[in-house]
Amino acid sequence: MRLYYHPFSSNARRAVITAIELAAPVELVLVDLPKREHRQPAFLARNPAGRVPVLEDGSFLLPESHAIMLYLAEKSAGQTLYPSDLQARMQVNRWMFWCAAHFQPAISVLNWENVVKKLLGLGGPDASEIIRGERLVQETAALLDSHLASREWVAGPAMTLADISLATPLMTMAPAKLPVTQFKHLQSWFARMAARDSWQRTAAPAPAGAPA
């Protein structure tokens, strides 16, 4: 299997972390986003949306990070990241879907305004968008923080795909100026994720021009 990725993509990072945690036989293939390789015909043939990650398993092509996570788990015998019990699985699904629908879109507003626009030379942050993004992040982070008040992991007694899904958007916590420092349960959980070998192995250097 080949996994097309870029280290600055939180979506790609969650797929790579999943592969590492599962010890899946995956070959990582770097897609040079600054050189717009993701917009070239060879990559668009794998994912017409022009986004990483993409998993290639023989002739089978699978974009979308959460789908890739589930596919890798299903192919890994004896894994514990995606429980076999139906209700336990649905709790993992619940938080992965919540991340995709609510948590990551909220974070993406501030990530765009405080990080990406500067990298692309698109001017300074839009004050109204900063206000909107901060409100969305605080609302969603408060919900996650409350959920974590009585547990170490999001969807069970041990780490699951849900934790990987939710932690990766927070990789830009400092440069995107995410207003989450006051959420102590979220911060403790994130520290547990950041201490894992899979997280440290997938850390990317700050891109040139990114705010400190």
N, C-alpha and C. Protein backbone atom coordinates (compact mmCIF):
# COMPACT_ATOMS: atom_id res chain seq x y z
N MET A 1 0.84 -1.20 0.00
CA MET A 1 0.00 0.00 0.00
C MET A 1 0.87 1.25 0.00
N ARG A 2 0.38 2.26 -0.69
CA ARG A 2 1.05 3.55 -0.70
C ARG A 2 0.11 4.61 -0.12
N LEU A 3 0.69 5.51 0.67
CA LEU A 3 -0.08 6.58 1.27
C LEU A 3 0.54 7.91 0.83
N TYR A 4 -0.21 8.65 0.03
CA TYR A 4 0.25 9.94 -0.47
C TYR A 4 -0.09 11.01 0.57
N TYR A 5 0.92 11.81 0.95
CA TYR A 5 0.74 12.70 2.10
C TYR A 5 1.63 13.92 1.96
N HIS A 6 1.42 14.87 2.87
CA HIS A 6 2.37 15.96 3.10
C HIS A 6 2.35 16.25 4.60
N PRO A 7 3.52 16.47 5.23
CA PRO A 7 3.56 16.61 6.69
C PRO A 7 2.84 17.83 7.24
N PHE A 8 2.60 18.87 6.41
CA PHE A 8 1.90 20.06 6.90
C PHE A 8 0.38 19.89 6.90
N SER A 9 -0.11 18.79 6.35
CA SER A 9 -1.55 18.54 6.29
C SER A 9 -2.00 17.75 7.51
N SER A 10 -2.90 18.32 8.29
CA SER A 10 -3.40 17.59 9.46
C SER A 10 -4.23 16.39 9.03
N ASN A 11 -4.90 16.49 7.88
CA ASN A 11 -5.65 15.34 7.37
C ASN A 11 -4.71 14.19 7.04
N ALA A 12 -3.62 14.51 6.35
CA ALA A 12 -2.66 13.47 6.02
C ALA A 12 -2.00 12.93 7.28
N ARG A 13 -1.74 13.79 8.24
CA ARG A 13 -1.05 13.34 9.45
C ARG A 13 -1.88 12.31 10.21
N ARG A 14 -3.20 12.48 10.25
CA ARG A 14 -4.00 11.49 10.98
C ARG A 14 -3.94 10.13 10.30
N ALA A 15 -3.86 10.12 8.99
CA ALA A 15 -3.75 8.84 8.28
C ALA A 15 -2.39 8.21 8.53
N VAL A 16 -1.33 9.01 8.52
CA VAL A 16 0.01 8.48 8.75
C VAL A 16 0.15 7.98 10.18
N ILE A 17 -0.37 8.72 11.15
CA ILE A 17 -0.32 8.27 12.55
C ILE A 17 -1.05 6.94 12.70
N THR A 18 -2.20 6.82 12.06
CA THR A 18 -2.95 5.56 12.13
C THR A 18 -2.12 4.41 11.58
N ALA A 19 -1.46 4.62 10.45
CA ALA A 19 -0.63 3.58 9.86
C ALA A 19 0.50 3.18 10.80
N ILE A 20 1.11 4.17 11.46
CA ILE A 20 2.20 3.87 12.40
C ILE A 20 1.68 3.10 13.60
N GLU A 21 0.57 3.55 14.18
CA GLU A 21 0.01 2.88 15.35
C GLU A 21 -0.39 1.44 15.05
N LEU A 22 -0.83 1.19 13.84
CA LEU A 22 -1.25 -0.16 13.44
C LEU A 22 -0.10 -1.00 12.89
N ALA A 23 1.07 -0.38 12.74
CA ALA A 23 2.20 -1.04 12.09
C ALA A 23 1.77 -1.59 10.72
N ALA A 24 0.99 -0.79 10.01
CA ALA A 24 0.49 -1.20 8.70
C ALA A 24 1.61 -1.11 7.66
N PRO A 25 1.64 -2.04 6.71
CA PRO A 25 2.68 -2.05 5.68
C PRO A 25 2.40 -0.99 4.62
N VAL A 26 2.68 0.26 4.97
CA VAL A 26 2.37 1.39 4.10
C VAL A 26 3.64 2.10 3.68
N GLU A 27 3.77 2.36 2.41
CA GLU A 27 4.87 3.17 1.88
C GLU A 27 4.39 4.61 1.78
N LEU A 28 5.09 5.52 2.43
CA LEU A 28 4.72 6.93 2.39
C LEU A 28 5.28 7.58 1.13
N VAL A 29 4.43 8.29 0.41
CA VAL A 29 4.82 8.98 -0.81
C VAL A 29 4.54 10.47 -0.62
N LEU A 30 5.58 11.28 -0.59
CA LEU A 30 5.44 12.71 -0.37
C LEU A 30 4.87 13.39 -1.61
N VAL A 31 3.83 14.17 -1.41
CA VAL A 31 3.27 15.01 -2.47
C VAL A 31 3.69 16.44 -2.15
N ASP A 32 4.46 17.04 -3.05
CA ASP A 32 5.01 18.37 -2.81
C ASP A 32 3.93 19.43 -3.05
N LEU A 33 3.24 19.81 -1.97
CA LEU A 33 2.16 20.78 -2.10
C LEU A 33 2.65 22.16 -2.55
N PRO A 34 3.77 22.68 -1.99
CA PRO A 34 4.24 23.99 -2.48
C PRO A 34 4.52 24.02 -3.97
N LYS A 35 4.93 22.88 -4.55
CA LYS A 35 5.18 22.81 -5.99
C LYS A 35 3.92 22.40 -6.77
N ARG A 36 2.80 22.31 -6.04
CA ARG A 36 1.49 22.03 -6.62
C ARG A 36 1.42 20.68 -7.33
N GLU A 37 2.14 19.71 -6.79
CA GLU A 37 2.05 18.36 -7.34
C GLU A 37 0.64 17.79 -7.21
N HIS A 38 -0.09 18.27 -6.22
CA HIS A 38 -1.45 17.77 -6.01
C HIS A 38 -2.42 18.27 -7.08
N ARG A 39 -1.95 19.21 -7.93
CA ARG A 39 -2.78 19.72 -9.01
C ARG A 39 -2.33 19.21 -10.39
N GLN A 40 -1.39 18.31 -10.37
CA GLN A 40 -0.89 17.73 -11.63
C GLN A 40 -1.74 16.52 -12.03
N PRO A 41 -1.81 16.22 -13.32
CA PRO A 41 -2.65 15.12 -13.80
C PRO A 41 -2.38 13.78 -13.11
N ALA A 42 -1.11 13.49 -12.81
CA ALA A 42 -0.80 12.19 -12.20
C ALA A 42 -1.47 12.05 -10.84
N PHE A 43 -1.49 13.13 -10.06
CA PHE A 43 -2.14 13.04 -8.75
C PHE A 43 -3.66 13.15 -8.87
N LEU A 44 -4.13 14.01 -9.75
CA LEU A 44 -5.58 14.17 -9.92
C LEU A 44 -6.24 12.88 -10.40
N ALA A 45 -5.47 12.02 -11.04
CA ALA A 45 -6.00 10.72 -11.44
C ALA A 45 -6.28 9.85 -10.22
N ARG A 46 -5.55 10.12 -9.13
CA ARG A 46 -5.77 9.37 -7.89
C ARG A 46 -6.85 10.02 -7.02
N ASN A 47 -6.92 11.34 -7.04
CA ASN A 47 -7.94 12.05 -6.29
C ASN A 47 -8.31 13.31 -7.06
N PRO A 48 -9.43 13.32 -7.76
CA PRO A 48 -9.83 14.49 -8.54
C PRO A 48 -10.00 15.75 -7.71
N ALA A 49 -10.17 15.59 -6.39
CA ALA A 49 -10.28 16.76 -5.53
C ALA A 49 -8.94 17.46 -5.32
N GLY A 50 -7.84 16.77 -5.68
CA GLY A 50 -6.53 17.37 -5.55
C GLY A 50 -6.10 17.60 -4.12
N ARG A 51 -6.39 16.64 -3.25
CA ARG A 51 -6.06 16.79 -1.83
C ARG A 51 -5.38 15.53 -1.30
N VAL A 52 -4.51 15.73 -0.33
CA VAL A 52 -3.95 14.60 0.41
C VAL A 52 -4.73 14.45 1.71
N PRO A 53 -4.78 13.20 2.23
CA PRO A 53 -4.09 12.00 1.78
C PRO A 53 -4.90 11.19 0.78
N VAL A 54 -4.18 10.27 0.13
CA VAL A 54 -4.81 9.26 -0.71
C VAL A 54 -4.11 7.94 -0.43
N LEU A 55 -4.88 6.89 -0.23
CA LEU A 55 -4.32 5.55 -0.05
C LEU A 55 -4.48 4.77 -1.34
N GLU A 56 -3.41 4.09 -1.74
CA GLU A 56 -3.42 3.26 -2.94
C GLU A 56 -3.10 1.83 -2.52
N ASP A 57 -4.05 0.94 -2.72
CA ASP A 57 -3.88 -0.47 -2.36
C ASP A 57 -4.12 -1.28 -3.63
N GLY A 58 -3.04 -1.54 -4.38
CA GLY A 58 -3.20 -2.16 -5.68
C GLY A 58 -3.92 -1.20 -6.61
N SER A 59 -5.04 -1.63 -7.18
CA SER A 59 -5.82 -0.77 -8.06
C SER A 59 -6.88 0.03 -7.31
N PHE A 60 -6.97 -0.20 -5.99
CA PHE A 60 -7.97 0.48 -5.17
C PHE A 60 -7.42 1.81 -4.67
N LEU A 61 -8.16 2.89 -4.95
CA LEU A 61 -7.76 4.23 -4.51
C LEU A 61 -8.78 4.76 -3.52
N LEU A 62 -8.27 5.32 -2.41
CA LEU A 62 -9.16 5.82 -1.37
C LEU A 62 -8.67 7.15 -0.85
N PRO A 63 -9.36 8.25 -1.20
CA PRO A 63 -9.06 9.52 -0.57
C PRO A 63 -9.86 9.67 0.74
N GLU A 64 -9.72 10.80 1.39
CA GLU A 64 -10.42 11.15 2.63
C GLU A 64 -9.79 10.44 3.84
N SER A 65 -9.25 11.25 4.74
CA SER A 65 -8.45 10.72 5.84
C SER A 65 -9.22 9.77 6.75
N HIS A 66 -10.46 10.11 7.09
CA HIS A 66 -11.20 9.23 8.01
C HIS A 66 -11.51 7.88 7.37
N ALA A 67 -11.83 7.90 6.08
CA ALA A 67 -12.06 6.63 5.39
C ALA A 67 -10.79 5.79 5.35
N ILE A 68 -9.65 6.44 5.14
CA ILE A 68 -8.36 5.73 5.13
C ILE A 68 -8.08 5.12 6.50
N MET A 69 -8.35 5.86 7.57
CA MET A 69 -8.14 5.34 8.92
C MET A 69 -8.95 4.06 9.15
N LEU A 70 -10.20 4.10 8.76
CA LEU A 70 -11.07 2.93 8.95
C LEU A 70 -10.60 1.75 8.10
N TYR A 71 -10.19 2.03 6.88
CA TYR A 71 -9.73 0.97 5.98
C TYR A 71 -8.48 0.29 6.55
N LEU A 72 -7.53 1.09 7.03
CA LEU A 72 -6.31 0.52 7.60
C LEU A 72 -6.61 -0.32 8.84
N ALA A 73 -7.54 0.16 9.65
CA ALA A 73 -7.90 -0.59 10.86
C ALA A 73 -8.56 -1.93 10.49
N GLU A 74 -9.44 -1.90 9.51
CA GLU A 74 -10.14 -3.12 9.10
C GLU A 74 -9.16 -4.15 8.52
N LYS A 75 -8.07 -3.69 7.93
CA LYS A 75 -7.10 -4.61 7.35
C LYS A 75 -6.06 -5.10 8.36
N SER A 76 -6.11 -4.61 9.59
CA SER A 76 -5.09 -4.94 10.59
C SER A 76 -5.66 -5.90 11.63
N ALA A 77 -5.22 -7.14 11.58
CA ALA A 77 -5.72 -8.15 12.51
C ALA A 77 -5.28 -7.83 13.94
N GLY A 78 -6.20 -8.01 14.87
CA GLY A 78 -5.88 -7.84 16.28
C GLY A 78 -5.73 -6.41 16.75
N GLN A 79 -6.11 -5.46 15.91
CA GLN A 79 -5.94 -4.06 16.28
C GLN A 79 -6.98 -3.66 17.35
N THR A 80 -6.68 -2.58 18.08
CA THR A 80 -7.58 -2.09 19.13
C THR A 80 -8.01 -0.64 18.90
N LEU A 81 -7.54 -0.02 17.83
CA LEU A 81 -7.91 1.37 17.58
C LEU A 81 -9.36 1.53 17.16
N TYR A 82 -9.94 0.47 16.59
CA TYR A 82 -11.33 0.50 16.16
C TYR A 82 -12.00 -0.74 16.73
N PRO A 83 -12.71 -0.60 17.86
CA PRO A 83 -13.20 -1.77 18.61
C PRO A 83 -14.11 -2.66 17.78
N SER A 84 -14.16 -3.93 18.17
CA SER A 84 -15.03 -4.88 17.47
C SER A 84 -16.48 -4.78 17.95
N ASP A 85 -16.68 -4.36 19.19
CA ASP A 85 -18.04 -4.20 19.72
C ASP A 85 -18.77 -3.09 18.97
N LEU A 86 -20.02 -3.34 18.57
CA LEU A 86 -20.76 -2.41 17.73
C LEU A 86 -20.94 -1.06 18.40
N GLN A 87 -21.38 -1.06 19.65
CA GLN A 87 -21.64 0.22 20.31
C GLN A 87 -20.35 0.99 20.56
N ALA A 88 -19.28 0.28 20.87
CA ALA A 88 -17.99 0.94 21.05
C ALA A 88 -17.53 1.56 19.73
N ARG A 89 -17.76 0.85 18.63
CA ARG A 89 -17.40 1.38 17.31
C ARG A 89 -18.20 2.64 17.00
N MET A 90 -19.48 2.62 17.35
CA MET A 90 -20.30 3.78 17.04
C MET A 90 -19.87 5.01 17.83
N GLN A 91 -19.33 4.81 19.03
CA GLN A 91 -18.78 5.94 19.78
C GLN A 91 -17.55 6.52 19.07
N VAL A 92 -16.72 5.64 18.52
CA VAL A 92 -15.58 6.11 17.74
C VAL A 92 -16.07 6.87 16.52
N ASN A 93 -17.05 6.29 15.80
CA ASN A 93 -17.61 6.95 14.63
C ASN A 93 -18.19 8.32 14.98
N ARG A 94 -18.92 8.34 16.10
CA ARG A 94 -19.55 9.59 16.52
C ARG A 94 -18.53 10.73 16.59
N TRP A 95 -17.40 10.48 17.22
CA TRP A 95 -16.42 11.54 17.42
C TRP A 95 -15.63 11.84 16.15
N MET A 96 -15.42 10.84 15.32
CA MET A 96 -14.77 11.10 14.04
C MET A 96 -15.67 11.97 13.15
N PHE A 97 -16.96 11.67 13.14
CA PHE A 97 -17.89 12.46 12.34
C PHE A 97 -18.02 13.87 12.92
N TRP A 98 -18.04 13.98 14.24
CA TRP A 98 -18.12 15.29 14.89
C TRP A 98 -16.89 16.13 14.56
N CYS A 99 -15.75 15.48 14.54
CA CYS A 99 -14.53 16.19 14.17
C CYS A 99 -14.64 16.74 12.76
N ALA A 100 -15.06 15.90 11.82
CA ALA A 100 -15.14 16.31 10.42
C ALA A 100 -16.19 17.40 10.19
N ALA A 101 -17.29 17.33 10.94
CA ALA A 101 -18.40 18.26 10.71
C ALA A 101 -18.31 19.55 11.51
N HIS A 102 -17.65 19.49 12.67
CA HIS A 102 -17.68 20.64 13.58
C HIS A 102 -16.31 21.12 14.05
N PHE A 103 -15.52 20.21 14.62
CA PHE A 103 -14.28 20.62 15.28
C PHE A 103 -13.24 21.12 14.27
N GLN A 104 -12.95 20.32 13.26
CA GLN A 104 -11.94 20.73 12.28
C GLN A 104 -12.37 21.94 11.47
N PRO A 105 -13.63 22.05 11.02
CA PRO A 105 -14.03 23.28 10.32
C PRO A 105 -13.88 24.53 11.18
N ALA A 106 -14.14 24.41 12.48
CA ALA A 106 -13.95 25.56 13.37
C ALA A 106 -12.49 25.98 13.41
N ILE A 107 -11.62 25.01 13.60
CA ILE A 107 -10.18 25.28 13.66
C ILE A 107 -9.67 25.84 12.33
N SER A 108 -10.23 25.36 11.23
CA SER A 108 -9.74 25.76 9.91
C SER A 108 -9.92 27.25 9.66
N VAL A 109 -10.90 27.88 10.30
CA VAL A 109 -11.09 29.32 10.12
C VAL A 109 -9.87 30.07 10.63
N LEU A 110 -9.43 29.76 11.84
CA LEU A 110 -8.26 30.43 12.42
C LEU A 110 -6.97 29.98 11.76
N ASN A 111 -6.92 28.75 11.34
CA ASN A 111 -5.73 28.28 10.64
C ASN A 111 -5.54 29.04 9.33
N TRP A 112 -6.63 29.27 8.63
CA TRP A 112 -6.56 30.02 7.38
C TRP A 112 -6.14 31.47 7.64
N GLU A 113 -6.79 32.10 8.60
CA GLU A 113 -6.54 33.52 8.83
C GLU A 113 -5.15 33.79 9.42
N ASN A 114 -4.70 32.94 10.33
CA ASN A 114 -3.45 33.21 11.05
C ASN A 114 -2.21 32.53 10.47
N VAL A 115 -2.41 31.51 9.63
CA VAL A 115 -1.26 30.76 9.11
C VAL A 115 -1.24 30.77 7.58
N VAL A 116 -2.28 30.23 6.97
CA VAL A 116 -2.24 29.97 5.53
C VAL A 116 -2.19 31.26 4.71
N LYS A 117 -2.97 32.25 5.09
CA LYS A 117 -2.98 33.50 4.32
C LYS A 117 -1.60 34.13 4.28
N LYS A 118 -0.88 34.07 5.38
CA LYS A 118 0.46 34.64 5.40
C LYS A 118 1.40 33.85 4.50
N LEU A 119 1.30 32.54 4.55
CA LEU A 119 2.17 31.71 3.72
C LEU A 119 1.93 31.95 2.23
N LEU A 120 0.68 32.23 1.87
CA LEU A 120 0.33 32.43 0.47
C LEU A 120 0.41 33.89 0.04
N GLY A 121 0.77 34.76 0.98
CA GLY A 121 0.87 36.18 0.65
C GLY A 121 -0.47 36.82 0.35
N LEU A 122 -1.50 36.42 1.09
CA LEU A 122 -2.86 36.91 0.83
C LEU A 122 -3.29 38.00 1.81
N GLY A 123 -2.32 38.60 2.48
CA GLY A 123 -2.66 39.70 3.38
C GLY A 123 -2.86 39.24 4.81
N GLY A 124 -3.24 40.19 5.65
CA GLY A 124 -3.41 39.91 7.07
C GLY A 124 -4.75 39.28 7.39
N PRO A 125 -4.91 38.87 8.65
CA PRO A 125 -6.16 38.25 9.07
C PRO A 125 -7.35 39.20 8.96
N ASP A 126 -8.50 38.64 8.66
CA ASP A 126 -9.76 39.37 8.63
C ASP A 126 -10.32 39.38 10.06
N ALA A 127 -10.48 40.56 10.63
CA ALA A 127 -10.89 40.67 12.03
C ALA A 127 -12.23 39.98 12.30
N SER A 128 -13.16 40.12 11.37
CA SER A 128 -14.48 39.50 11.58
C SER A 128 -14.39 37.98 11.54
N GLU A 129 -13.50 37.46 10.68
CA GLU A 129 -13.32 36.02 10.61
C GLU A 129 -12.60 35.50 11.85
N ILE A 130 -11.68 36.27 12.39
CA ILE A 130 -11.01 35.88 13.64
C ILE A 130 -12.03 35.75 14.75
N ILE A 131 -12.93 36.72 14.85
CA ILE A 131 -13.97 36.67 15.88
C ILE A 131 -14.85 35.45 15.70
N ARG A 132 -15.25 35.19 14.46
CA ARG A 132 -16.10 34.03 14.17
C ARG A 132 -15.36 32.73 14.49
N GLY A 133 -14.10 32.64 14.06
CA GLY A 133 -13.33 31.43 14.31
C GLY A 133 -13.10 31.18 15.79
N GLU A 134 -12.78 32.22 16.54
CA GLU A 134 -12.56 32.05 17.97
C GLU A 134 -13.82 31.57 18.67
N ARG A 135 -14.97 32.09 18.25
CA ARG A 135 -16.23 31.65 18.85
C ARG A 135 -16.48 30.17 18.55
N LEU A 136 -16.28 29.77 17.31
CA LEU A 136 -16.51 28.38 16.93
C LEU A 136 -15.56 27.43 17.65
N VAL A 137 -14.29 27.81 17.74
CA VAL A 137 -13.31 26.95 18.40
C VAL A 137 -13.64 26.83 19.89
N GLN A 138 -13.98 27.93 20.53
CA GLN A 138 -14.29 27.87 21.95
C GLN A 138 -15.53 27.03 22.22
N GLU A 139 -16.52 27.13 21.35
CA GLU A 139 -17.74 26.33 21.53
C GLU A 139 -17.45 24.84 21.40
N THR A 140 -16.73 24.47 20.37
CA THR A 140 -16.46 23.05 20.16
C THR A 140 -15.45 22.51 21.17
N ALA A 141 -14.44 23.31 21.48
CA ALA A 141 -13.43 22.87 22.45
C ALA A 141 -14.05 22.70 23.84
N ALA A 142 -14.99 23.55 24.18
CA ALA A 142 -15.66 23.43 25.48
C ALA A 142 -16.42 22.11 25.58
N LEU A 143 -17.06 21.72 24.49
CA LEU A 143 -17.79 20.44 24.48
C LEU A 143 -16.83 19.28 24.65
N LEU A 144 -15.73 19.31 23.93
CA LEU A 144 -14.75 18.22 24.04
C LEU A 144 -14.11 18.20 25.43
N ASP A 145 -13.80 19.36 25.96
CA ASP A 145 -13.21 19.46 27.29
C ASP A 145 -14.14 18.87 28.34
N SER A 146 -15.42 19.18 28.26
CA SER A 146 -16.40 18.63 29.21
C SER A 146 -16.47 17.12 29.10
N HIS A 147 -16.44 16.62 27.88
CA HIS A 147 -16.48 15.17 27.67
C HIS A 147 -15.27 14.48 28.29
N LEU A 148 -14.11 15.14 28.23
CA LEU A 148 -12.87 14.55 28.73
C LEU A 148 -12.67 14.73 30.23
N ALA A 149 -13.60 15.39 30.89
CA ALA A 149 -13.44 15.65 32.32
C ALA A 149 -13.38 14.37 33.15
N SER A 150 -14.03 13.32 32.68
CA SER A 150 -14.10 12.07 33.45
C SER A 150 -13.43 10.90 32.75
N ARG A 151 -12.59 11.18 31.74
CA ARG A 151 -11.96 10.09 31.00
C ARG A 151 -10.62 10.55 30.43
N GLU A 152 -9.74 9.57 30.21
CA GLU A 152 -8.44 9.88 29.64
C GLU A 152 -8.47 9.91 28.11
N TRP A 153 -9.34 9.11 27.53
CA TRP A 153 -9.41 9.01 26.08
C TRP A 153 -10.84 9.29 25.63
N VAL A 154 -11.02 9.65 24.40
CA VAL A 154 -12.30 10.17 23.93
C VAL A 154 -13.39 9.11 23.87
N ALA A 155 -13.08 7.93 23.36
CA ALA A 155 -14.14 6.96 23.05
C ALA A 155 -13.93 5.60 23.68
N GLY A 156 -13.20 5.54 24.79
CA GLY A 156 -13.01 4.25 25.44
C GLY A 156 -11.91 4.31 26.47
N PRO A 157 -11.59 3.16 27.06
CA PRO A 157 -10.55 3.13 28.08
C PRO A 157 -9.14 3.27 27.54
N ALA A 158 -8.99 3.15 26.22
CA ALA A 158 -7.68 3.28 25.57
C ALA A 158 -7.83 4.17 24.35
N MET A 159 -6.71 4.57 23.79
CA MET A 159 -6.74 5.42 22.60
C MET A 159 -7.39 4.68 21.44
N THR A 160 -8.17 5.43 20.66
CA THR A 160 -8.82 4.88 19.47
C THR A 160 -8.61 5.84 18.29
N LEU A 161 -9.20 5.47 17.17
CA LEU A 161 -9.15 6.35 16.01
C LEU A 161 -9.75 7.72 16.30
N ALA A 162 -10.70 7.78 17.23
CA ALA A 162 -11.32 9.06 17.57
C ALA A 162 -10.30 10.04 18.11
N ASP A 163 -9.39 9.56 18.95
CA ASP A 163 -8.36 10.44 19.51
C ASP A 163 -7.43 10.98 18.43
N ILE A 164 -7.03 10.11 17.51
CA ILE A 164 -6.16 10.53 16.41
C ILE A 164 -6.87 11.57 15.55
N SER A 165 -8.15 11.30 15.26
CA SER A 165 -8.93 12.22 14.45
C SER A 165 -8.98 13.61 15.05
N LEU A 166 -9.26 13.69 16.35
CA LEU A 166 -9.47 14.97 17.01
C LEU A 166 -8.17 15.70 17.34
N ALA A 167 -7.10 14.97 17.56
CA ALA A 167 -5.84 15.61 17.97
C ALA A 167 -5.15 16.31 16.81
N THR A 168 -5.24 15.73 15.61
CA THR A 168 -4.44 16.27 14.52
C THR A 168 -4.80 17.70 14.11
N PRO A 169 -6.06 18.12 14.13
CA PRO A 169 -6.32 19.52 13.81
C PRO A 169 -5.66 20.49 14.80
N LEU A 170 -5.37 20.02 16.00
CA LEU A 170 -4.75 20.85 17.02
C LEU A 170 -3.24 20.99 16.83
N MET A 171 -2.69 20.39 15.78
CA MET A 171 -1.25 20.50 15.54
C MET A 171 -0.83 21.95 15.27
N THR A 172 -1.78 22.80 14.88
CA THR A 172 -1.47 24.22 14.64
C THR A 172 -1.94 25.09 15.81
N MET A 173 -2.02 24.51 16.99
CA MET A 173 -2.54 25.23 18.15
C MET A 173 -1.85 26.58 18.36
N ALA A 174 -0.52 26.59 18.31
CA ALA A 174 0.21 27.84 18.57
C ALA A 174 0.16 28.80 17.38
N PRO A 175 0.59 28.38 16.17
CA PRO A 175 0.60 29.34 15.07
C PRO A 175 -0.78 29.85 14.67
N ALA A 176 -1.81 29.01 14.81
CA ALA A 176 -3.17 29.43 14.46
C ALA A 176 -3.83 30.22 15.59
N LYS A 177 -3.15 30.29 16.73
CA LYS A 177 -3.66 31.04 17.90
C LYS A 177 -5.04 30.54 18.33
N LEU A 178 -5.12 29.23 18.49
CA LEU A 178 -6.39 28.63 18.89
C LEU A 178 -6.66 28.95 20.36
N PRO A 179 -7.82 29.46 20.69
CA PRO A 179 -8.14 29.83 22.07
C PRO A 179 -8.59 28.62 22.90
N VAL A 180 -7.63 27.74 23.19
CA VAL A 180 -7.97 26.50 23.89
C VAL A 180 -7.14 26.28 25.15
N THR A 181 -6.29 27.22 25.50
CA THR A 181 -5.39 27.01 26.65
C THR A 181 -6.14 26.87 27.95
N GLN A 182 -7.35 27.43 28.05
CA GLN A 182 -8.10 27.39 29.31
C GLN A 182 -8.79 26.05 29.55
N PHE A 183 -8.79 25.17 28.56
CA PHE A 183 -9.50 23.90 28.68
C PHE A 183 -8.53 22.83 29.20
N LYS A 184 -8.50 22.66 30.51
CA LYS A 184 -7.46 21.82 31.14
C LYS A 184 -7.60 20.35 30.79
N HIS A 185 -8.81 19.85 30.65
CA HIS A 185 -8.99 18.43 30.32
C HIS A 185 -8.55 18.17 28.88
N LEU A 186 -8.91 19.06 28.00
CA LEU A 186 -8.45 18.96 26.61
C LEU A 186 -6.93 19.02 26.54
N GLN A 187 -6.34 19.92 27.29
CA GLN A 187 -4.88 20.08 27.26
C GLN A 187 -4.18 18.83 27.80
N SER A 188 -4.71 18.24 28.85
CA SER A 188 -4.10 17.01 29.41
C SER A 188 -4.19 15.87 28.41
N TRP A 189 -5.35 15.75 27.78
CA TRP A 189 -5.53 14.70 26.76
C TRP A 189 -4.60 14.92 25.58
N PHE A 190 -4.50 16.17 25.12
CA PHE A 190 -3.63 16.46 23.99
C PHE A 190 -2.17 16.17 24.32
N ALA A 191 -1.77 16.45 25.56
CA ALA A 191 -0.40 16.14 25.98
C ALA A 191 -0.13 14.65 25.92
N ARG A 192 -1.12 13.83 26.26
CA ARG A 192 -0.95 12.37 26.15
C ARG A 192 -0.78 11.96 24.70
N MET A 193 -1.53 12.58 23.81
CA MET A 193 -1.39 12.27 22.39
C MET A 193 -0.03 12.73 21.87
N ALA A 194 0.38 13.92 22.26
CA ALA A 194 1.64 14.48 21.76
C ALA A 194 2.85 13.73 22.26
N ALA A 195 2.69 12.98 23.36
CA ALA A 195 3.81 12.22 23.91
C ALA A 195 4.02 10.89 23.19
N ARG A 196 3.07 10.49 22.39
CA ARG A 196 3.17 9.20 21.72
C ARG A 196 4.24 9.24 20.62
N ASP A 197 4.87 8.11 20.42
CA ASP A 197 5.93 8.01 19.42
C ASP A 197 5.39 8.35 18.03
N SER A 198 4.18 7.93 17.73
CA SER A 198 3.60 8.17 16.40
C SER A 198 3.42 9.66 16.15
N TRP A 199 3.08 10.41 17.19
CA TRP A 199 2.91 11.85 17.04
C TRP A 199 4.27 12.51 16.80
N GLN A 200 5.24 12.12 17.59
CA GLN A 200 6.56 12.74 17.47
C GLN A 200 7.22 12.40 16.14
N ARG A 201 7.00 11.21 15.65
CA ARG A 201 7.59 10.82 14.37
C ARG A 201 6.97 11.55 13.18
N THR A 202 5.77 12.07 13.36
CA THR A 202 5.09 12.74 12.25
C THR A 202 5.11 14.26 12.38
N ALA A 203 5.82 14.77 13.36
CA ALA A 203 5.90 16.23 13.53
C ALA A 203 6.66 16.84 12.36
N ALA A 204 6.12 17.93 11.84
CA ALA A 204 6.76 18.62 10.72
C ALA A 204 7.37 19.92 11.20
N PRO A 205 8.49 20.32 10.63
CA PRO A 205 9.06 21.62 10.97
C PRO A 205 8.13 22.73 10.56
N ALA A 206 8.17 23.84 11.27
CA ALA A 206 7.33 24.98 10.91
C ALA A 206 7.69 25.46 9.52
N PRO A 207 6.68 25.69 8.66
CA PRO A 207 7.00 26.19 7.32
C PRO A 207 7.59 27.58 7.37
N ALA A 208 8.43 27.88 6.42
CA ALA A 208 9.06 29.20 6.35
C ALA A 208 7.98 30.27 6.27
N GLY A 209 8.12 31.27 7.12
CA GLY A 209 7.16 32.37 7.10
C GLY A 209 6.02 32.20 8.06
N ALA A 210 5.92 31.04 8.71
CA ALA A 210 4.83 30.82 9.66
C ALA A 210 5.07 31.65 10.90
N PRO A 211 4.01 32.18 11.53
CA PRO A 211 4.17 32.96 12.74
C PRO A 211 4.66 32.08 13.88
N ALA A 212 5.43 32.65 14.79
CA ALA A 212 5.94 31.89 15.92
C ALA A 212 4.86 31.64 16.93
